[in-house]
Protein backbone atom coordinates (compact mmCIF):
# COMPACT_ATOMS: atom_id res chain seq x y z
CA MET A 1 107.75 237.24 299.68
CA ALA A 2 105.43 237.73 302.58
CA ASN A 3 103.54 241.02 302.91
CA ILE A 4 102.12 240.56 306.43
CA LYS A 5 104.36 241.63 309.34
CA SER A 6 103.80 238.42 311.31
CA ALA A 7 104.61 236.25 308.21
CA LYS A 8 107.86 238.19 307.74
CA LYS A 9 108.76 237.53 311.36
CA ARG A 10 107.95 233.81 311.03
CA ILE A 11 110.37 233.59 307.97
CA LEU A 12 113.16 235.17 310.11
CA VAL A 13 112.47 232.97 313.10
CA GLN A 14 112.38 229.82 310.96
CA ALA A 15 115.67 230.73 309.33
CA LYS A 16 117.23 231.21 312.78
CA ARG A 17 115.87 227.83 313.94
CA ALA A 18 116.97 226.06 310.85
CA ALA A 19 120.50 227.32 311.28
CA ARG A 20 120.61 226.28 314.94
CA ASN A 21 119.19 222.74 314.07
CA LYS A 22 121.73 222.37 311.27
CA ALA A 23 124.62 223.32 313.50
CA CYS A 24 123.48 220.88 316.11
CA LYS A 25 122.97 218.04 313.57
CA THR A 26 126.38 218.67 312.03
CA ASN A 27 128.05 218.56 315.43
CA LEU A 28 126.24 215.35 316.23
CA LYS A 29 127.53 213.79 312.97
CA THR A 30 131.06 214.87 313.75
CA VAL A 31 131.00 213.37 317.33
CA LEU A 32 129.58 210.13 315.97
CA LYS A 33 132.28 209.91 313.32
CA GLN A 34 134.95 210.43 315.93
CA ALA A 35 133.46 207.80 318.24
CA ASN A 36 133.13 205.23 315.35
CA ALA A 37 136.74 205.93 314.22
CA ALA A 38 138.03 205.40 317.89
CA ILE A 39 136.07 202.14 318.07
CA ALA A 40 137.52 200.94 314.76
CA GLU A 41 141.05 201.79 315.88
CA ASN A 42 140.51 200.41 319.37
CA ALA A 43 141.87 203.73 320.75
CA GLU A 44 142.52 204.33 324.37
CA ASN A 45 140.06 207.15 324.63
CA LYS A 46 137.14 205.26 322.91
CA ASP A 47 135.09 204.94 326.07
CA ALA A 48 135.18 208.77 326.58
CA LEU A 49 134.28 209.43 322.92
CA VAL A 50 131.37 207.05 323.15
CA LYS A 51 130.20 208.58 326.26
CA ALA A 52 130.39 212.06 324.70
CA ALA A 53 128.55 210.82 321.59
CA VAL A 54 125.69 209.41 323.70
CA LYS A 55 125.43 212.72 325.57
CA LYS A 56 125.16 214.64 322.27
CA ILE A 57 122.62 212.18 320.97
CA ASP A 58 120.50 212.68 324.13
CA GLN A 59 120.83 216.52 323.81
CA ALA A 60 119.74 216.42 320.18
CA CYS A 61 116.77 214.17 321.08
CA ALA A 62 115.75 216.49 323.91
CA LYS A 63 115.76 219.51 321.61
CA GLY A 64 113.67 217.66 319.02
CA ILE A 65 116.38 217.60 316.40
CA ILE A 66 116.18 213.82 316.09
CA HIS A 67 113.40 211.50 316.98
CA LYS A 68 113.57 209.42 320.23
CA ASN A 69 113.68 206.14 318.31
CA CYS A 70 116.44 207.45 316.09
CA ALA A 71 118.35 208.42 319.21
CA ALA A 72 117.83 205.01 320.80
CA ARG A 73 118.93 203.29 317.61
CA LYS A 74 122.17 205.38 317.39
CA LYS A 75 123.00 204.69 321.03
CA SER A 76 122.36 200.99 320.69
CA THR A 77 124.55 200.75 317.64
CA LEU A 78 127.35 202.57 319.44
CA ALA A 79 127.10 200.38 322.46
CA ALA A 80 127.11 197.19 320.34
CA LEU A 81 130.20 198.37 318.45
CA ALA A 82 132.01 199.45 321.60
CA LYS A 83 131.68 195.93 323.24
């Protein structure tokens, strides 16, 4: 355990950020699964779900949760499947 005050604060801040990143990543995975399921079933609302998934991917990329190339790959895969 850290003894210095600033080190203790860094531990708290990192824990808070890790929780926020994990929540965002989990939400992203859920939205992607919903979009993929809608594409597989050829559901009526698949375009809306794909659009929502792309938006979540962009938000995660902007926050630095996923790399920009990873975001581009995920969006490209979704678009190819949705065709």
